[in-house]
């Protein structure tokens, strides 16, 4: 039995849902001191640091 290919709509849904899950995982609030703290290498943490620096310079 051959492997069936997903139709274009289904392929798109699969990709979109995967990206949405990834986005939600990254966007969750992470409490300070919790065991699920973001790693220091995370892009979101790096972005926050840069934004904080720019905000401090603007004041």
C-alpha atoms as a PDB file:
ATOM      1  CA  UNK A   1       0.000   0.000   0.000  1.00  0.00           C
ATOM      2  CA  UNK A   2       1.467   3.316  -1.037  1.00  0.00           C
ATOM      3  CA  UNK A   3       1.877   6.319   1.194  1.00  0.00           C
ATOM      4  CA  UNK A   4      -0.786   8.926   0.505  1.00  0.00           C
ATOM      5  CA  UNK A   5       0.222  12.562   0.301  1.00  0.00           C
ATOM      6  CA  UNK A   6      -1.622  15.164   2.282  1.00  0.00           C
ATOM      7  CA  UNK A   7      -3.725  17.570   0.302  1.00  0.00           C
ATOM      8  CA  UNK A   8      -2.473  21.151   0.234  1.00  0.00           C
ATOM      9  CA  UNK A   9      -5.060  22.334   2.777  1.00  0.00           C
ATOM     10  CA  UNK A  10      -4.120  19.572   5.231  1.00  0.00           C
ATOM     11  CA  UNK A  11      -0.408  20.241   4.835  1.00  0.00           C
ATOM     12  CA  UNK A  12      -1.035  23.919   5.563  1.00  0.00           C
ATOM     13  CA  UNK A  13      -3.160  23.111   8.623  1.00  0.00           C
ATOM     14  CA  UNK A  14      -0.448  20.809   9.943  1.00  0.00           C
ATOM     15  CA  UNK A  15       2.221  23.479   9.565  1.00  0.00           C
ATOM     16  CA  UNK A  16       0.082  26.286  10.968  1.00  0.00           C
ATOM     17  CA  UNK A  17      -0.938  24.282  14.027  1.00  0.00           C
ATOM     18  CA  UNK A  18       2.692  23.344  14.726  1.00  0.00           C
ATOM     19  CA  UNK A  19       3.770  26.983  14.492  1.00  0.00           C
ATOM     20  CA  UNK A  20       0.882  28.091  16.733  1.00  0.00           C
ATOM     21  CA  UNK A  21       1.837  25.597  19.422  1.00  0.00           C
ATOM     22  CA  UNK A  22       5.437  26.775  19.274  1.00  0.00           C
ATOM     23  CA  UNK A  23       4.314  30.415  19.547  1.00  0.00           C
ATOM     24  CA  UNK A  24       2.102  29.667  22.552  1.00  0.00           C
ATOM     25  CA  UNK A  25       4.900  27.804  24.310  1.00  0.00           C
ATOM     26  CA  UNK A  26       7.259  30.744  23.853  1.00  0.00           C
ATOM     27  CA  UNK A  27       4.700  33.376  24.796  1.00  0.00           C
ATOM     28  CA  UNK A  28       3.553  31.913  28.105  1.00  0.00           C
ATOM     29  CA  UNK A  29       4.139  33.889  31.272  1.00  0.00           C
ATOM     30  CA  UNK A  30       6.978  32.384  33.241  1.00  0.00           C
ATOM     31  CA  UNK A  31       7.052  33.200  36.921  1.00  0.00           C
ATOM     32  CA  UNK A  32      10.308  34.351  38.441  1.00  0.00           C
ATOM     33  CA  UNK A  33      11.928  31.593  40.435  1.00  0.00           C
ATOM     34  CA  UNK A  34       9.762  28.868  38.963  1.00  0.00           C
ATOM     35  CA  UNK A  35      11.292  25.631  37.760  1.00  0.00           C
ATOM     36  CA  UNK A  36      10.167  26.431  34.228  1.00  0.00           C
ATOM     37  CA  UNK A  37      12.292  29.570  33.987  1.00  0.00           C
ATOM     38  CA  UNK A  38      13.426  30.440  30.463  1.00  0.00           C
ATOM     39  CA  UNK A  39      16.979  29.636  29.562  1.00  0.00           C
ATOM     40  CA  UNK A  40      19.425  32.531  29.306  1.00  0.00           C
ATOM     41  CA  UNK A  41      20.076  31.625  25.658  1.00  0.00           C
ATOM     42  CA  UNK A  42      16.426  32.048  24.666  1.00  0.00           C
ATOM     43  CA  UNK A  43      15.831  34.633  21.949  1.00  0.00           C
ATOM     44  CA  UNK A  44      12.962  36.168  23.937  1.00  0.00           C
ATOM     45  CA  UNK A  45      15.234  36.748  26.943  1.00  0.00           C
ATOM     46  CA  UNK A  46      17.858  38.348  24.692  1.00  0.00           C
ATOM     47  CA  UNK A  47      15.238  40.607  23.092  1.00  0.00           C
ATOM     48  CA  UNK A  48      13.930  41.679  26.503  1.00  0.00           C
ATOM     49  CA  UNK A  49      17.420  42.598  27.658  1.00  0.00           C
ATOM     50  CA  UNK A  50      18.017  44.758  24.589  1.00  0.00           C
ATOM     51  CA  UNK A  51      14.629  46.458  24.949  1.00  0.00           C
ATOM     52  CA  UNK A  52      15.310  47.178  28.623  1.00  0.00           C
ATOM     53  CA  UNK A  53      18.684  48.703  27.730  1.00  0.00           C
ATOM     54  CA  UNK A  54      17.126  50.931  25.073  1.00  0.00           C
ATOM     55  CA  UNK A  55      14.381  52.019  27.453  1.00  0.00           C
ATOM     56  CA  UNK A  56      16.960  52.928  30.086  1.00  0.00           C
ATOM     57  CA  UNK A  57      18.950  54.970  27.558  1.00  0.00           C
ATOM     58  CA  UNK A  58      15.826  56.803  26.406  1.00  0.00           C
ATOM     59  CA  UNK A  59      15.081  58.072  29.936  1.00  0.00           C
END
